Amino acid sequence: MAKKDDKTNVMRILAQAKIEYAAHSYGDGKTALSGAEVAAELGQDPACVFKTLVTVGRSGEHYVFMIPVLAELDLKKAATAAGEKSVEMIKQKDLLPLTGYVHGGCSPIGMKKPFPTFIDRSAEGQKTIFFSAGRIGAQVEMDPSELAALVKASFRSLTTGA
């Protein structure tokens, strides 16, 4: 468990909801690493380390997608999941004002406002998954079904070639 002052907003939300999680840290806490580097730093299979991607649909609505760090988001599958004609990644400069998170530290938990969230179906087969704790250098590990219940996410096939 992280020291009290090391807790991120994500960890506080999980604790408040009485959801079990494990906190993990990596790197220097300042430099954003690639997903593969994060998985290696944590000593984890990249299939259970997830990245959080924020998109905008043709309607102007925003959507959050969580996929394994080595996978690529299939924009057609993402659009279908969201009920949109198309979706595209938001511009990096729009991430902080929209979500409250920086690139490399974006978490599906604790965004400025809740957005429809989708988790790649591969998470359903995992006992736990790792994802950003809302700050570069911090990850949380938890049961994906508890994450889905907390952020009202659904599991879908979201990646290319899957």
C-alpha atoms as a PDB file:
ATOM      1  CA  MET A   1       0.000   0.000   0.000  1.00  0.00           C
ATOM      2  CA  ALA A   2       1.242   3.495  -0.791  1.00  0.00           C
ATOM      3  CA  LYS A   3       2.107   5.976   1.952  1.00  0.00           C
ATOM      4  CA  LYS A   4      -0.712   8.424   2.686  1.00  0.00           C
ATOM      5  CA  ASP A   5       0.941  11.316   0.813  1.00  0.00           C
ATOM      6  CA  ASP A   6       1.712   9.025  -2.136  1.00  0.00           C
ATOM      7  CA  LYS A   7      -1.963   8.255  -2.687  1.00  0.00           C
ATOM      8  CA  THR A   8      -3.410   9.512  -5.926  1.00  0.00           C
ATOM      9  CA  ASN A   9      -7.013  10.614  -6.363  1.00  0.00           C
ATOM     10  CA  VAL A  10      -7.643   7.235  -8.055  1.00  0.00           C
ATOM     11  CA  MET A  11      -6.420   5.405  -4.935  1.00  0.00           C
ATOM     12  CA  ARG A  12      -8.546   7.605  -2.675  1.00  0.00           C
ATOM     13  CA  ILE A  13     -11.648   6.890  -4.806  1.00  0.00           C
ATOM     14  CA  LEU A  14     -10.959   3.134  -4.670  1.00  0.00           C
ATOM     15  CA  ALA A  15     -10.412   3.235  -0.907  1.00  0.00           C
ATOM     16  CA  GLN A  16     -13.580   5.271  -0.398  1.00  0.00           C
ATOM     17  CA  ALA A  17     -15.535   2.725  -2.480  1.00  0.00           C
ATOM     18  CA  LYS A  18     -13.931  -0.063  -0.376  1.00  0.00           C
ATOM     19  CA  ILE A  19     -12.504  -1.684  -3.511  1.00  0.00           C
ATOM     20  CA  GLU A  20      -9.374  -3.751  -3.052  1.00  0.00           C
ATOM     21  CA  TYR A  21      -6.389  -2.668  -5.114  1.00  0.00           C
ATOM     22  CA  ALA A  22      -2.608  -2.768  -5.049  1.00  0.00           C
ATOM     23  CA  ALA A  23      -0.504   0.318  -5.768  1.00  0.00           C
ATOM     24  CA  HIS A  24       2.660   0.010  -7.849  1.00  0.00           C
ATOM     25  CA  SER A  25       5.213   2.621  -8.807  1.00  0.00           C
ATOM     26  CA  TYR A  26       7.780   2.720 -11.588  1.00  0.00           C
ATOM     27  CA  GLY A  27      10.360   5.055 -13.068  1.00  0.00           C
ATOM     28  CA  ASP A  28      11.128   8.524 -11.749  1.00  0.00           C
ATOM     29  CA  GLY A  29       7.500   9.696 -11.667  1.00  0.00           C
ATOM     30  CA  LYS A  30       8.239  12.448 -14.182  1.00  0.00           C
ATOM     31  CA  THR A  31       9.053  10.682 -17.438  1.00  0.00           C
ATOM     32  CA  ALA A  32       6.186   9.026 -19.308  1.00  0.00           C
ATOM     33  CA  LEU A  33       7.226   5.560 -20.465  1.00  0.00           C
ATOM     34  CA  SER A  34       5.758   3.469 -23.247  1.00  0.00           C
ATOM     35  CA  GLY A  35       3.270   0.810 -22.207  1.00  0.00           C
ATOM     36  CA  ALA A  36       5.820  -1.915 -22.944  1.00  0.00           C
ATOM     37  CA  GLU A  37       8.352  -0.135 -20.698  1.00  0.00           C
ATOM     38  CA  VAL A  38       5.774   0.187 -17.897  1.00  0.00           C
ATOM     39  CA  ALA A  39       4.970  -3.550 -18.135  1.00  0.00           C
ATOM     40  CA  ALA A  40       8.709  -4.381 -18.038  1.00  0.00           C
ATOM     41  CA  GLU A  41       9.296  -2.045 -15.055  1.00  0.00           C
ATOM     42  CA  LEU A  42       6.431  -3.747 -13.204  1.00  0.00           C
ATOM     43  CA  GLY A  43       7.631  -7.219 -14.237  1.00  0.00           C
ATOM     44  CA  GLN A  44       4.225  -7.958 -15.745  1.00  0.00           C
ATOM     45  CA  ASP A  45       2.903  -9.559 -18.910  1.00  0.00           C
ATOM     46  CA  PRO A  46       1.925  -6.628 -21.188  1.00  0.00           C
ATOM     47  CA  ALA A  47      -1.411  -8.413 -21.792  1.00  0.00           C
ATOM     48  CA  CYS A  48      -2.499  -7.456 -18.258  1.00  0.00           C
ATOM     49  CA  VAL A  49      -1.207  -3.861 -18.330  1.00  0.00           C
ATOM     50  CA  PHE A  50      -3.802  -1.532 -19.857  1.00  0.00           C
ATOM     51  CA  LYS A  51      -3.639   1.972 -21.312  1.00  0.00           C
ATOM     52  CA  THR A  52      -6.492   4.459 -21.130  1.00  0.00           C
ATOM     53  CA  LEU A  53      -7.367   6.196 -24.403  1.00  0.00           C
ATOM     54  CA  VAL A  54      -9.775   9.095 -24.802  1.00  0.00           C
ATOM     55  CA  THR A  55     -11.637   9.634 -28.058  1.00  0.00           C
ATOM     56  CA  VAL A  56     -14.252  11.913 -29.522  1.00  0.00           C
ATOM     57  CA  GLY A  57     -17.133  10.631 -31.627  1.00  0.00           C
ATOM     58  CA  ARG A  58     -18.642  12.284 -34.667  1.00  0.00           C
ATOM     59  CA  SER A  59     -21.452  13.476 -32.347  1.00  0.00           C
ATOM     60  CA  GLY A  60     -18.899  15.410 -30.252  1.00  0.00           C
ATOM     61  CA  GLU A  61     -19.317  13.029 -27.285  1.00  0.00           C
ATOM     62  CA  HIS A  62     -16.188  11.700 -25.609  1.00  0.00           C
ATOM     63  CA  TYR A  63     -15.454   8.033 -24.894  1.00  0.00           C
ATOM     64  CA  VAL A  64     -12.820   6.192 -22.885  1.00  0.00           C
ATOM     65  CA  PHE A  65     -11.270   2.925 -24.081  1.00  0.00           C
ATOM     66  CA  MET A  66      -8.942   0.661 -22.117  1.00  0.00           C
ATOM     67  CA  ILE A  67      -6.799  -1.765 -24.076  1.00  0.00           C
ATOM     68  CA  PRO A  68      -3.626  -3.788 -23.434  1.00  0.00           C
ATOM     69  CA  VAL A  69      -0.511  -1.614 -23.778  1.00  0.00           C
ATOM     70  CA  LEU A  70       0.855  -3.460 -26.828  1.00  0.00           C
ATOM     71  CA  ALA A  71      -2.487  -3.467 -28.660  1.00  0.00           C
ATOM     72  CA  GLU A  72      -3.871  -0.884 -31.031  1.00  0.00           C
ATOM     73  CA  LEU A  73      -7.377   0.521 -30.722  1.00  0.00           C
ATOM     74  CA  ASP A  74      -9.506  -0.497 -33.687  1.00  0.00           C
ATOM     75  CA  LEU A  75     -11.401   2.751 -34.354  1.00  0.00           C
ATOM     76  CA  LYS A  76     -14.197   0.930 -36.209  1.00  0.00           C
ATOM     77  CA  LYS A  77     -14.770  -1.439 -33.271  1.00  0.00           C
ATOM     78  CA  ALA A  78     -14.545   1.519 -30.873  1.00  0.00           C
ATOM     79  CA  ALA A  79     -17.150   3.461 -32.868  1.00  0.00           C
ATOM     80  CA  THR A  80     -19.454   0.435 -32.920  1.00  0.00           C
ATOM     81  CA  ALA A  81     -19.072  -0.026 -29.148  1.00  0.00           C
ATOM     82  CA  ALA A  82     -19.899   3.658 -28.603  1.00  0.00           C
ATOM     83  CA  GLY A  83     -22.805   3.664 -31.058  1.00  0.00           C
ATOM     84  CA  GLU A  84     -21.074   6.284 -33.230  1.00  0.00           C
ATOM     85  CA  LYS A  85     -20.446   6.457 -36.977  1.00  0.00           C
ATOM     86  CA  SER A  86     -16.776   7.142 -36.201  1.00  0.00           C
ATOM     87  CA  VAL A  87     -14.422   8.042 -33.351  1.00  0.00           C
ATOM     88  CA  GLU A  88     -10.959   9.548 -33.341  1.00  0.00           C
ATOM     89  CA  MET A  89      -8.318  10.081 -30.683  1.00  0.00           C
ATOM     90  CA  ILE A  90      -8.508  13.467 -28.987  1.00  0.00           C
ATOM     91  CA  LYS A  91      -5.570  15.821 -29.426  1.00  0.00           C
ATOM     92  CA  GLN A  92      -2.958  15.449 -26.681  1.00  0.00           C
ATOM     93  CA  LYS A  93      -3.325  19.144 -25.722  1.00  0.00           C
ATOM     94  CA  ASP A  94      -7.037  18.520 -24.994  1.00  0.00           C
ATOM     95  CA  LEU A  95      -6.420  15.632 -22.565  1.00  0.00           C
ATOM     96  CA  LEU A  96      -5.620  17.626 -19.401  1.00  0.00           C
ATOM     97  CA  PRO A  97      -8.454  20.191 -19.716  1.00  0.00           C
ATOM     98  CA  LEU A  98     -10.964  17.434 -20.574  1.00  0.00           C
ATOM     99  CA  THR A  99      -9.984  14.725 -18.082  1.00  0.00           C
ATOM    100  CA  GLY A 100      -7.735  16.350 -15.492  1.00  0.00           C
ATOM    101  CA  TYR A 101      -4.980  13.890 -16.425  1.00  0.00           C
ATOM    102  CA  VAL A 102      -1.729  14.236 -18.371  1.00  0.00           C
ATOM    103  CA  HIS A 103      -0.580  11.976 -21.199  1.00  0.00           C
ATOM    104  CA  GLY A 104       1.022   8.921 -19.579  1.00  0.00           C
ATOM    105  CA  GLY A 105      -1.006   9.357 -16.384  1.00  0.00           C
ATOM    106  CA  CYS A 106      -4.585   9.060 -17.637  1.00  0.00           C
ATOM    107  CA  SER A 107      -6.883   6.814 -15.608  1.00  0.00           C
ATOM    108  CA  PRO A 108     -10.508   5.810 -16.232  1.00  0.00           C
ATOM    109  CA  ILE A 109     -11.181   6.536 -12.546  1.00  0.00           C
ATOM    110  CA  GLY A 110     -11.579  10.107 -11.309  1.00  0.00           C
ATOM    111  CA  MET A 111     -11.796  12.030 -14.570  1.00  0.00           C
ATOM    112  CA  LYS A 112     -13.287  15.534 -14.321  1.00  0.00           C
ATOM    113  CA  LYS A 113     -16.565  14.031 -15.504  1.00  0.00           C
ATOM    114  CA  PRO A 114     -17.563  10.452 -16.258  1.00  0.00           C
ATOM    115  CA  PHE A 115     -17.487   9.379 -19.896  1.00  0.00           C
ATOM    116  CA  PRO A 116     -18.862   6.186 -21.422  1.00  0.00           C
ATOM    117  CA  THR A 117     -16.072   3.667 -20.855  1.00  0.00           C
ATOM    118  CA  PHE A 118     -15.216   0.419 -22.620  1.00  0.00           C
ATOM    119  CA  ILE A 119     -12.641  -2.169 -21.571  1.00  0.00           C
ATOM    120  CA  ASP A 120     -11.141  -4.616 -24.041  1.00  0.00           C
ATOM    121  CA  ARG A 121     -12.716  -8.045 -23.667  1.00  0.00           C
ATOM    122  CA  SER A 122      -9.271  -9.576 -22.999  1.00  0.00           C
ATOM    123  CA  ALA A 123      -9.456  -8.099 -19.475  1.00  0.00           C
ATOM    124  CA  GLU A 124     -12.350 -10.423 -18.620  1.00  0.00           C
ATOM    125  CA  GLY A 125      -9.967 -13.386 -18.563  1.00  0.00           C
ATOM    126  CA  GLN A 126      -7.549 -11.681 -16.150  1.00  0.00           C
ATOM    127  CA  LYS A 127      -7.670 -12.029 -12.381  1.00  0.00           C
ATOM    128  CA  THR A 128      -6.284  -8.488 -12.119  1.00  0.00           C
ATOM    129  CA  ILE A 129      -5.227  -5.778 -14.542  1.00  0.00           C
ATOM    130  CA  PHE A 130      -2.831  -2.856 -14.132  1.00  0.00           C
ATOM    131  CA  PHE A 131      -3.606   0.683 -15.293  1.00  0.00           C
ATOM    132  CA  SER A 132      -2.639   4.247 -14.484  1.00  0.00           C
ATOM    133  CA  ALA A 133      -3.315   5.482 -10.981  1.00  0.00           C
ATOM    134  CA  GLY A 134      -3.704   8.998 -12.393  1.00  0.00           C
ATOM    135  CA  ARG A 135      -0.094  10.071 -12.283  1.00  0.00           C
ATOM    136  CA  ILE A 136       3.014   9.220 -14.283  1.00  0.00           C
ATOM    137  CA  GLY A 137       4.935   6.569 -12.342  1.00  0.00           C
ATOM    138  CA  ALA A 138       1.899   5.176 -10.509  1.00  0.00           C
ATOM    139  CA  GLN A 139      -0.243   2.174 -11.419  1.00  0.00           C
ATOM    140  CA  VAL A 140      -3.045   0.356  -9.652  1.00  0.00           C
ATOM    141  CA  GLU A 141      -3.780  -3.338  -9.937  1.00  0.00           C
ATOM    142  CA  MET A 142      -7.321  -4.546  -9.411  1.00  0.00           C
ATOM    143  CA  ASP A 143     -10.047  -6.915 -10.508  1.00  0.00           C
ATOM    144  CA  PRO A 144     -11.317  -5.803 -13.946  1.00  0.00           C
ATOM    145  CA  SER A 145     -14.950  -6.606 -13.099  1.00  0.00           C
ATOM    146  CA  GLU A 146     -14.765  -4.294 -10.062  1.00  0.00           C
ATOM    147  CA  LEU A 147     -13.251  -1.593 -12.272  1.00  0.00           C
ATOM    148  CA  ALA A 148     -16.069  -2.048 -14.805  1.00  0.00           C
ATOM    149  CA  ALA A 149     -18.695  -1.775 -12.059  1.00  0.00           C
ATOM    150  CA  LEU A 150     -17.064   1.374 -10.620  1.00  0.00           C
ATOM    151  CA  VAL A 151     -16.794   3.286 -13.917  1.00  0.00           C
ATOM    152  CA  LYS A 152     -19.910   1.676 -15.453  1.00  0.00           C
ATOM    153  CA  ALA A 153     -17.833   0.197 -18.273  1.00  0.00           C
ATOM    154  CA  SER A 154     -18.675  -2.630 -20.590  1.00  0.00           C
ATOM    155  CA  PHE A 155     -16.332  -5.236 -22.042  1.00  0.00           C
ATOM    156  CA  ARG A 156     -16.002  -5.229 -25.834  1.00  0.00           C
ATOM    157  CA  SER A 157     -13.635  -6.399 -28.533  1.00  0.00           C
ATOM    158  CA  LEU A 158     -11.682  -3.193 -29.185  1.00  0.00           C
ATOM    159  CA  THR A 159      -8.299  -4.030 -30.658  1.00  0.00           C
ATOM    160  CA  THR A 160      -7.012  -4.547 -34.189  1.00  0.00           C
ATOM    161  CA  GLY A 161      -6.638  -8.160 -35.197  1.00  0.00           C
ATOM    162  CA  ALA A 162      -8.743  -9.386 -32.261  1.00  0.00           C
END
